[in-house]
Amino acid sequence: TTPLAEGSHQLTTTSIDPVGNESKPSGSFVVNVDTTAPGTPVAATGYADNVGAIQSPASTARITDDTTPGINIGTLLNGLTPSLYVDGTKVASTYDPVAGTLTPNVPLGDGAHQLGYTLTDAAGNESTQAPALAVTVNTIAPAAPVAASGYADNVGAVQSPNSTAPTTDDTTPGINIGTVTKDLMPSLYVDGTKVASTYDPVTGTLTPTTALREGAHQISYTLTDTAGNESKPAPALSLAVDKSAPAIPAIGAASDNMGSVQGPLANGSSTDDTTPTLSGNGATPGDVIKVYDNATPIGSTTVQPDGSWSFTPAIPLTEGTHRLTTTAVDPAGNESAPSGAFTVSVDTTAPATLDASKIQVLDDVGAVQGPIASGAQTDDNKPEYVGKADPAQVASVNVYD
């Protein structure tokens, strides 16, 4: 009837008959009286999140999409049994001695929770609860984002921070998704597969880390909240990567449309036309022909549906020799190698006045023939004009009456 004291006790029994004779004591039965509860355990260091886009064996995030987060309580001494408390109520749980986690058997509901635990020794003494770990369960995914408005093309002859062209030569186009709030993380999907990417909050672009292969692609993205819930993908942006340069466009013809001598120009010829027209055929419709003068771009023109093109300089060519070449640029921005040069020499300087002393007018009709003096009479109505000029400076002589 008197409580045993704390500690070890050897219990024996004897029997007494009606006349008072007592037997020898029985063998001893040892019991250890322990009424001291274990000390209060330390708070859980975090929890194991094994669900969704954001996972960690030792998460400290305040929000999770894992409805059965296993709190990290570490290794326990032999003889101690942990018990999980959710919002002050003991719940069924499983302790993993390898991972050191204590996990609820029944999923937690969405909302804020206080997760604590106790330790119970072999005698059944239960400690007070460890300081609770505050965790909010959120299993509601963000709404599907809007489609990308375009993409940043930073490669080749055709570039744009917000291109909508269906083809590009940029193998890492950054889709324009705009500003993303701090509690959301974008993920890039190419042809339905999540790929490594980088989000630039300044430009609002989401760019693949690894170059895309040539060909057609469907590019989309999702948003994941801090709990790890991932939205459905945005409508995909259709984009074809093209790294193949067009064929080299040749300058098929050049023409002089100015002055007294007009018509086709031969390669290497001279002209007084400071805006000679260049033309060609056999190019790809829709490609852009870029024209270069001594390797400096001077303008461009678009290839017509029949493959023809023509170009007239907007700024007159200067006096001197010009090596004109062309390249073709496709809609993706790939530029061909330059064509062979078509050389013209622009000459707009008139020759010097002819030396009158070297000009003769000859009469070769009638009885009196020979040179005619200035102001003299002649019966030759078709007198011949002869003289001398520098052939490098004078191509022809015009006679005026």
Protein backbone atom coordinates (compact mmCIF):
# COMPACT_ATOMS: atom_id res chain seq x y z
CA THR A 1 0.00 0.00 0.00
CA THR A 2 3.00 2.27 0.33
CA PRO A 3 4.34 3.48 -3.07
CA LEU A 4 7.73 2.13 -3.99
CA ALA A 5 10.50 4.63 -4.11
CA GLU A 6 12.30 5.54 -7.32
CA GLY A 7 14.92 2.99 -8.19
CA SER A 8 15.51 -0.78 -8.26
CA HIS A 9 13.50 -3.11 -6.02
CA GLN A 10 13.93 -6.87 -5.33
CA LEU A 11 10.51 -8.23 -4.45
CA THR A 12 10.08 -11.61 -2.66
CA THR A 13 7.12 -13.39 -1.10
CA THR A 14 6.46 -15.73 1.86
CA SER A 15 3.39 -17.67 2.87
CA ILE A 16 1.94 -17.88 6.43
CA ASP A 17 -0.30 -20.73 7.57
CA PRO A 18 -3.28 -20.27 9.92
CA VAL A 19 -1.21 -21.00 13.00
CA GLY A 20 1.39 -18.35 12.04
CA ASN A 21 4.17 -20.43 10.53
CA GLU A 22 5.95 -18.42 7.73
CA SER A 23 7.69 -20.03 4.82
CA LYS A 24 11.10 -19.18 3.52
CA PRO A 25 11.15 -16.25 1.04
CA SER A 26 10.66 -16.92 -2.65
CA GLY A 27 13.17 -16.02 -5.28
CA SER A 28 13.43 -12.29 -5.88
CA PHE A 29 11.49 -10.40 -8.61
CA VAL A 30 13.36 -7.24 -9.58
CA VAL A 31 11.48 -4.13 -10.67
CA ASN A 32 12.84 -0.69 -11.48
CA VAL A 33 10.57 2.14 -10.56
CA ASP A 34 10.97 5.10 -12.97
CA THR A 35 8.56 8.00 -12.71
CA THR A 36 10.86 10.61 -14.27
CA ALA A 37 9.86 11.75 -17.76
CA PRO A 38 12.56 12.36 -20.40
CA GLY A 39 13.67 15.92 -20.86
CA THR A 40 11.86 18.13 -23.35
CA PRO A 41 13.33 17.39 -26.80
CA VAL A 42 14.80 20.11 -29.01
CA ALA A 43 12.67 21.61 -31.77
CA ALA A 44 12.63 19.89 -35.16
CA THR A 45 15.29 21.40 -37.46
CA GLY A 46 13.04 21.28 -40.50
CA TYR A 47 11.04 18.74 -42.42
CA ALA A 48 11.32 16.39 -45.38
CA ASP A 49 9.32 17.63 -48.39
CA ASN A 50 8.93 14.82 -50.93
CA VAL A 51 6.14 16.23 -53.11
CA GLY A 52 5.89 18.61 -56.06
CA ALA A 53 8.35 20.77 -57.96
CA ILE A 54 10.21 21.91 -54.82
CA GLN A 55 11.55 19.05 -52.70
CA SER A 56 14.13 18.81 -49.94
CA PRO A 57 15.11 16.29 -47.24
CA ALA A 58 15.54 19.17 -44.77
CA SER A 59 13.27 21.99 -45.85
CA THR A 60 12.83 25.08 -43.68
CA ALA A 61 10.28 26.73 -45.99
CA ARG A 62 7.22 27.95 -44.14
CA ILE A 63 4.89 26.64 -46.88
CA THR A 64 4.74 23.18 -48.46
CA ASP A 65 2.55 21.18 -50.83
CA ASP A 66 3.52 17.95 -49.01
CA THR A 67 0.54 16.93 -46.86
CA THR A 68 2.66 14.42 -44.92
CA PRO A 69 5.83 16.37 -44.09
CA GLY A 70 8.25 14.35 -41.98
CA ILE A 71 9.74 16.59 -39.28
CA ASN A 72 13.49 16.17 -38.76
CA ILE A 73 14.09 15.03 -35.14
CA GLY A 74 17.37 13.18 -35.70
CA THR A 75 18.60 9.97 -34.05
CA LEU A 76 16.91 8.83 -30.80
CA LEU A 77 18.47 6.97 -27.89
CA ASN A 78 17.45 3.36 -27.37
CA GLY A 79 14.32 3.06 -25.29
CA LEU A 80 12.75 6.31 -26.42
CA THR A 81 9.67 6.43 -28.63
CA PRO A 82 8.63 9.65 -30.42
CA SER A 83 5.04 10.80 -30.74
CA LEU A 84 3.85 13.43 -33.21
CA TYR A 85 1.53 16.25 -32.21
CA VAL A 86 -0.32 18.33 -34.82
CA ASP A 87 -1.91 21.49 -33.47
CA GLY A 88 -1.62 20.05 -29.95
CA THR A 89 -3.23 16.69 -30.76
CA LYS A 90 -1.31 13.41 -30.83
CA VAL A 91 -1.64 11.77 -34.25
CA ALA A 92 -0.55 8.43 -35.70
CA SER A 93 2.93 8.71 -37.11
CA THR A 94 5.94 6.76 -38.35
CA TYR A 95 9.52 7.30 -37.21
CA ASP A 96 12.31 6.54 -39.73
CA PRO A 97 15.54 5.93 -37.75
CA VAL A 98 17.65 6.17 -40.92
CA ALA A 99 16.32 9.53 -42.08
CA GLY A 100 15.53 10.76 -38.56
CA THR A 101 12.03 11.87 -39.64
CA LEU A 102 8.69 11.61 -37.85
CA THR A 103 5.88 11.58 -40.43
CA PRO A 104 2.09 11.78 -39.95
CA ASN A 105 0.24 8.72 -41.26
CA VAL A 106 -2.83 10.77 -42.20
CA PRO A 107 -2.42 13.71 -44.60
CA LEU A 108 -2.71 17.18 -43.11
CA GLY A 109 -5.39 19.54 -44.38
CA ASP A 110 -4.58 22.78 -46.20
CA GLY A 111 -3.77 25.60 -43.82
CA ALA A 112 -1.40 26.53 -40.99
CA HIS A 113 -0.19 23.83 -38.56
CA GLN A 114 1.98 23.58 -35.45
CA LEU A 115 4.04 20.38 -35.51
CA GLY A 116 5.57 19.21 -32.24
CA TYR A 117 6.67 15.91 -30.72
CA THR A 118 7.38 14.18 -27.44
CA LEU A 119 9.64 11.34 -26.29
CA THR A 120 8.32 8.44 -24.18
CA ASP A 121 10.71 6.18 -22.28
CA ALA A 122 10.38 2.43 -21.72
CA ALA A 123 8.56 3.04 -18.46
CA GLY A 124 5.87 5.02 -20.27
CA ASN A 125 6.90 8.46 -19.05
CA GLU A 126 6.23 11.06 -21.75
CA SER A 127 8.18 14.27 -22.05
CA THR A 128 6.63 17.66 -22.59
CA GLN A 129 6.34 18.72 -26.23
CA ALA A 130 9.28 20.15 -28.13
CA PRO A 131 8.85 23.71 -29.43
CA ALA A 132 6.46 23.47 -32.38
CA LEU A 133 7.50 23.85 -36.00
CA ALA A 134 5.13 26.17 -37.91
CA VAL A 135 4.27 24.81 -41.35
CA THR A 136 1.49 25.82 -43.75
CA VAL A 137 0.16 23.20 -46.14
CA ASN A 138 -0.89 24.60 -49.51
CA THR A 139 -1.90 22.21 -52.29
CA ILE A 140 -3.57 24.81 -54.56
CA ALA A 141 -1.55 25.46 -57.72
CA PRO A 142 -1.24 28.94 -59.27
CA ALA A 143 -3.43 29.71 -62.29
CA ALA A 144 -2.01 28.91 -65.73
CA PRO A 145 0.00 31.92 -66.97
CA VAL A 146 -0.70 33.84 -70.18
CA ALA A 147 1.15 32.99 -73.38
CA ALA A 148 4.55 34.59 -74.01
CA SER A 149 4.19 37.79 -76.05
CA GLY A 150 7.23 37.02 -78.20
CA TYR A 151 10.91 36.33 -77.71
CA ALA A 152 14.28 38.07 -77.55
CA ASP A 153 16.43 37.36 -80.62
CA ASN A 154 20.03 38.42 -79.96
CA VAL A 155 21.82 36.63 -82.81
CA GLY A 156 22.50 37.31 -86.50
CA ALA A 157 21.50 40.01 -88.95
CA VAL A 158 17.88 40.19 -87.72
CA GLN A 159 17.61 40.95 -84.00
CA SER A 160 14.79 42.19 -81.75
CA PRO A 161 14.04 42.30 -77.99
CA ASN A 162 10.44 41.25 -78.71
CA SER A 163 10.41 39.30 -81.97
CA THR A 164 7.27 37.58 -83.21
CA ALA A 165 8.90 36.09 -86.32
CA PRO A 166 8.11 32.38 -86.80
CA THR A 167 11.78 31.52 -87.44
CA THR A 168 15.05 32.53 -85.78
CA ASP A 169 18.76 31.82 -85.97
CA ASP A 170 19.04 32.33 -82.19
CA THR A 171 19.35 28.88 -80.56
CA THR A 172 18.65 30.32 -77.09
CA PRO A 173 15.65 32.60 -77.63
CA GLY A 174 14.38 34.12 -74.37
CA ILE A 175 10.58 34.09 -74.33
CA ASN A 176 8.97 37.29 -73.02
CA ILE A 177 6.88 36.41 -69.94
CA GLY A 178 7.01 39.81 -68.22
CA THR A 179 7.30 40.46 -64.50
CA VAL A 180 6.94 37.44 -62.18
CA THR A 181 6.11 38.07 -58.52
CA LYS A 182 8.68 37.04 -55.91
CA ASP A 183 6.54 34.20 -54.58
CA LEU A 184 6.47 32.47 -57.99
CA MET A 185 9.20 30.71 -59.95
CA PRO A 186 8.97 30.22 -63.75
CA SER A 187 10.00 26.98 -65.45
CA LEU A 188 10.62 26.60 -69.18
CA TYR A 189 9.19 23.76 -71.24
CA VAL A 190 10.41 22.93 -74.75
CA ASP A 191 8.27 20.46 -76.72
CA GLY A 192 6.60 19.40 -73.46
CA THR A 193 9.82 18.75 -71.52
CA LYS A 194 11.07 20.93 -68.67
CA VAL A 195 14.54 22.29 -69.47
CA ALA A 196 17.11 24.29 -67.51
CA SER A 197 16.52 28.00 -67.95
CA THR A 198 17.35 31.46 -66.62
CA TYR A 199 14.80 34.14 -65.78
CA ASP A 200 15.87 37.79 -66.14
CA PRO A 201 13.59 39.99 -63.99
CA VAL A 202 14.84 43.15 -65.73
CA THR A 203 13.91 42.11 -69.29
CA GLY A 204 11.20 39.64 -68.30
CA THR A 205 12.72 36.88 -70.42
CA LEU A 206 12.98 33.14 -69.70
CA THR A 207 15.91 31.70 -71.66
CA PRO A 208 16.96 28.06 -72.18
CA THR A 209 20.41 27.28 -70.79
CA THR A 210 21.11 24.68 -73.49
CA ALA A 211 20.90 25.58 -77.19
CA LEU A 212 17.82 24.35 -79.05
CA ARG A 213 18.32 22.04 -82.02
CA GLU A 214 17.37 23.17 -85.51
CA GLY A 215 13.72 22.65 -86.39
CA ALA A 216 10.25 23.47 -85.09
CA HIS A 217 9.61 23.84 -81.34
CA GLN A 218 6.72 24.49 -78.97
CA ILE A 219 7.94 26.71 -76.12
CA SER A 220 5.89 27.22 -72.95
CA TYR A 221 6.34 27.89 -69.25
CA THR A 222 4.76 27.28 -65.85
CA LEU A 223 4.72 29.11 -62.51
CA THR A 224 5.53 27.34 -59.22
CA ASP A 225 4.66 28.84 -55.83
CA THR A 226 6.79 28.65 -52.70
CA ALA A 227 4.92 25.53 -51.57
CA GLY A 228 6.01 23.72 -54.74
CA ASN A 229 2.63 23.75 -56.49
CA GLU A 230 3.17 24.07 -60.24
CA SER A 231 0.62 25.65 -62.56
CA LYS A 232 -0.50 24.23 -65.85
CA PRO A 233 1.64 25.41 -68.79
CA ALA A 234 0.88 28.60 -70.66
CA PRO A 235 -0.23 28.32 -74.30
CA ALA A 236 2.87 27.39 -76.30
CA LEU A 237 4.81 29.75 -78.57
CA SER A 238 5.56 28.09 -81.93
CA LEU A 239 9.09 28.83 -83.10
CA ALA A 240 11.43 27.24 -85.66
CA VAL A 241 15.21 27.45 -85.23
CA ASP A 242 17.02 27.84 -88.57
CA LYS A 243 20.81 28.09 -88.72
CA SER A 244 21.23 27.40 -92.48
CA ALA A 245 22.44 30.41 -94.48
CA PRO A 246 20.78 31.22 -97.84
CA ALA A 247 22.53 30.69 -101.18
CA ILE A 248 24.87 33.47 -102.32
CA PRO A 249 22.97 35.96 -104.53
CA ALA A 250 24.81 37.10 -107.66
CA ILE A 251 24.56 40.56 -109.20
CA GLY A 252 23.16 39.58 -112.58
CA ALA A 253 23.09 43.01 -114.20
CA ALA A 254 23.69 46.71 -113.68
CA SER A 255 22.25 49.60 -115.67
CA ASP A 256 23.09 53.26 -116.29
CA ASN A 257 20.00 55.48 -116.31
CA MET A 258 21.65 58.90 -116.46
CA GLY A 259 23.33 61.10 -119.05
CA SER A 260 23.75 60.74 -122.79
CA VAL A 261 25.03 57.18 -122.61
CA GLN A 262 22.54 54.84 -120.94
CA GLY A 263 21.93 51.10 -120.84
CA PRO A 264 23.57 47.98 -119.41
CA LEU A 265 26.86 48.33 -117.56
CA ALA A 266 29.57 45.72 -117.89
CA ASN A 267 31.56 44.62 -114.86
CA GLY A 268 34.54 46.95 -114.60
CA SER A 269 33.04 49.73 -116.73
CA SER A 270 32.69 53.44 -116.05
CA THR A 271 29.48 55.42 -115.65
CA ASP A 272 28.26 58.92 -114.95
CA ASP A 273 25.22 57.45 -113.11
CA THR A 274 25.80 57.88 -109.37
CA THR A 275 22.79 55.65 -108.65
CA PRO A 276 23.19 52.70 -111.03
CA THR A 277 20.53 49.99 -110.65
CA LEU A 278 21.66 46.48 -109.70
CA SER A 279 19.46 43.43 -110.28
CA GLY A 280 19.44 39.65 -110.01
CA ASN A 281 17.32 36.51 -110.27
CA GLY A 282 16.99 33.08 -108.69
CA ALA A 283 16.93 34.24 -105.05
CA THR A 284 14.48 32.95 -102.42
CA PRO A 285 11.26 35.00 -102.28
CA GLY A 286 11.02 36.98 -99.06
CA ASP A 287 14.77 37.02 -98.41
CA VAL A 288 16.44 40.42 -98.04
CA ILE A 289 19.29 41.31 -100.39
CA LYS A 290 21.88 43.51 -98.67
CA VAL A 291 24.15 45.57 -100.91
CA TYR A 292 27.68 46.49 -99.88
CA ASP A 293 30.02 49.10 -101.38
CA ASN A 294 33.64 48.27 -100.62
CA ALA A 295 32.36 46.06 -97.74
CA THR A 296 30.20 48.88 -96.28
CA PRO A 297 26.41 48.30 -96.35
CA ILE A 298 24.56 50.89 -98.46
CA GLY A 299 21.03 49.48 -98.46
CA SER A 300 18.81 46.49 -99.03
CA THR A 301 15.84 45.24 -101.02
CA THR A 302 13.38 42.33 -100.71
CA VAL A 303 13.27 39.43 -103.17
CA GLN A 304 10.03 39.33 -105.18
CA PRO A 305 7.76 36.25 -105.43
CA ASP A 306 9.38 35.32 -108.77
CA GLY A 307 12.88 35.35 -107.21
CA SER A 308 13.95 38.63 -108.83
CA TRP A 309 15.30 41.70 -107.10
CA SER A 310 16.60 45.15 -107.98
CA PHE A 311 18.34 47.85 -106.01
CA THR A 312 19.07 51.52 -106.66
CA PRO A 313 21.25 53.36 -104.10
CA ALA A 314 19.34 55.97 -102.10
CA ILE A 315 22.58 57.89 -101.53
CA PRO A 316 24.59 58.65 -104.70
CA LEU A 317 27.89 56.86 -105.11
CA THR A 318 30.95 59.06 -104.85
CA GLU A 319 33.41 59.64 -107.65
CA GLY A 320 35.77 56.72 -108.03
CA THR A 321 35.83 52.93 -108.11
CA HIS A 322 33.21 50.90 -106.27
CA ARG A 323 33.30 47.16 -105.54
CA LEU A 324 29.64 46.24 -105.13
CA THR A 325 28.73 42.93 -103.48
CA THR A 326 25.51 41.39 -102.16
CA THR A 327 24.41 38.97 -99.45
CA ALA A 328 21.04 37.30 -98.80
CA VAL A 329 19.40 37.35 -95.36
CA ASP A 330 16.58 34.87 -94.66
CA PRO A 331 13.67 35.58 -92.28
CA ALA A 332 15.52 33.78 -89.46
CA GLY A 333 18.42 36.25 -89.76
CA ASN A 334 20.96 33.94 -91.40
CA GLU A 335 23.18 35.90 -93.79
CA SER A 336 24.92 34.31 -96.77
CA ALA A 337 28.54 34.80 -97.74
CA PRO A 338 29.09 37.82 -100.04
CA SER A 339 28.78 37.54 -103.80
CA GLY A 340 31.57 38.19 -106.23
CA ALA A 341 32.28 41.88 -106.75
CA PHE A 342 30.69 43.92 -109.52
CA THR A 343 33.02 46.85 -110.08
CA VAL A 344 31.96 50.20 -111.54
CA SER A 345 33.86 53.45 -111.74
CA VAL A 346 31.74 56.53 -111.20
CA ASP A 347 32.97 59.46 -113.30
CA THR A 348 30.95 62.65 -113.25
CA THR A 349 33.81 65.00 -114.19
CA ALA A 350 33.56 66.43 -117.75
CA PRO A 351 36.73 66.24 -119.93
CA ALA A 352 38.75 69.36 -120.58
CA THR A 353 37.74 71.60 -123.50
CA LEU A 354 39.34 70.39 -126.77
CA ASP A 355 42.35 72.35 -128.01
CA ALA A 356 41.07 74.35 -130.99
CA SER A 357 44.59 74.44 -132.49
CA LYS A 358 44.41 70.66 -132.94
CA ILE A 359 41.05 70.68 -134.72
CA GLN A 360 40.76 70.91 -138.56
CA VAL A 361 37.79 71.06 -140.87
CA LEU A 362 38.53 69.40 -144.22
CA ASP A 363 36.86 70.05 -147.61
CA ASP A 364 37.04 67.00 -149.87
CA VAL A 365 34.53 68.10 -152.56
CA GLY A 366 35.02 70.14 -155.77
CA ALA A 367 37.98 71.85 -157.29
CA VAL A 368 39.21 73.42 -154.08
CA GLN A 369 39.87 70.89 -151.37
CA GLY A 370 41.85 70.78 -148.11
CA PRO A 371 41.70 72.51 -144.76
CA ILE A 372 39.07 75.22 -144.39
CA ALA A 373 40.01 78.31 -142.45
CA SER A 374 37.61 79.60 -139.84
CA GLY A 375 35.13 81.96 -141.58
CA ALA A 376 36.01 80.71 -145.10
CA GLN A 377 33.55 79.44 -147.71
CA THR A 378 33.28 75.81 -148.96
CA ASP A 379 31.21 73.88 -151.47
CA ASP A 380 31.42 70.76 -149.22
CA ASN A 381 28.13 70.46 -147.26
CA LYS A 382 29.60 67.57 -145.25
CA PRO A 383 33.05 68.79 -144.25
CA GLU A 384 35.10 66.40 -142.13
CA TYR A 385 36.16 67.39 -138.61
CA VAL A 386 39.47 65.92 -137.43
CA GLY A 387 41.56 66.51 -134.33
CA LYS A 388 43.45 64.98 -131.44
CA ALA A 389 42.37 64.23 -127.83
CA ASP A 390 43.53 62.03 -124.93
CA PRO A 391 41.75 58.67 -125.45
CA ALA A 392 41.86 58.05 -121.70
CA GLN A 393 39.79 61.18 -121.15
CA VAL A 394 37.61 61.41 -124.28
CA ALA A 395 35.45 58.53 -125.51
CA SER A 396 33.55 60.45 -128.22
CA VAL A 397 33.24 63.95 -129.65
CA ASN A 398 29.96 65.74 -130.29
CA VAL A 399 29.84 68.42 -132.97
CA TYR A 400 27.29 71.20 -132.56
CA ASP A 401 26.03 73.75 -135.13
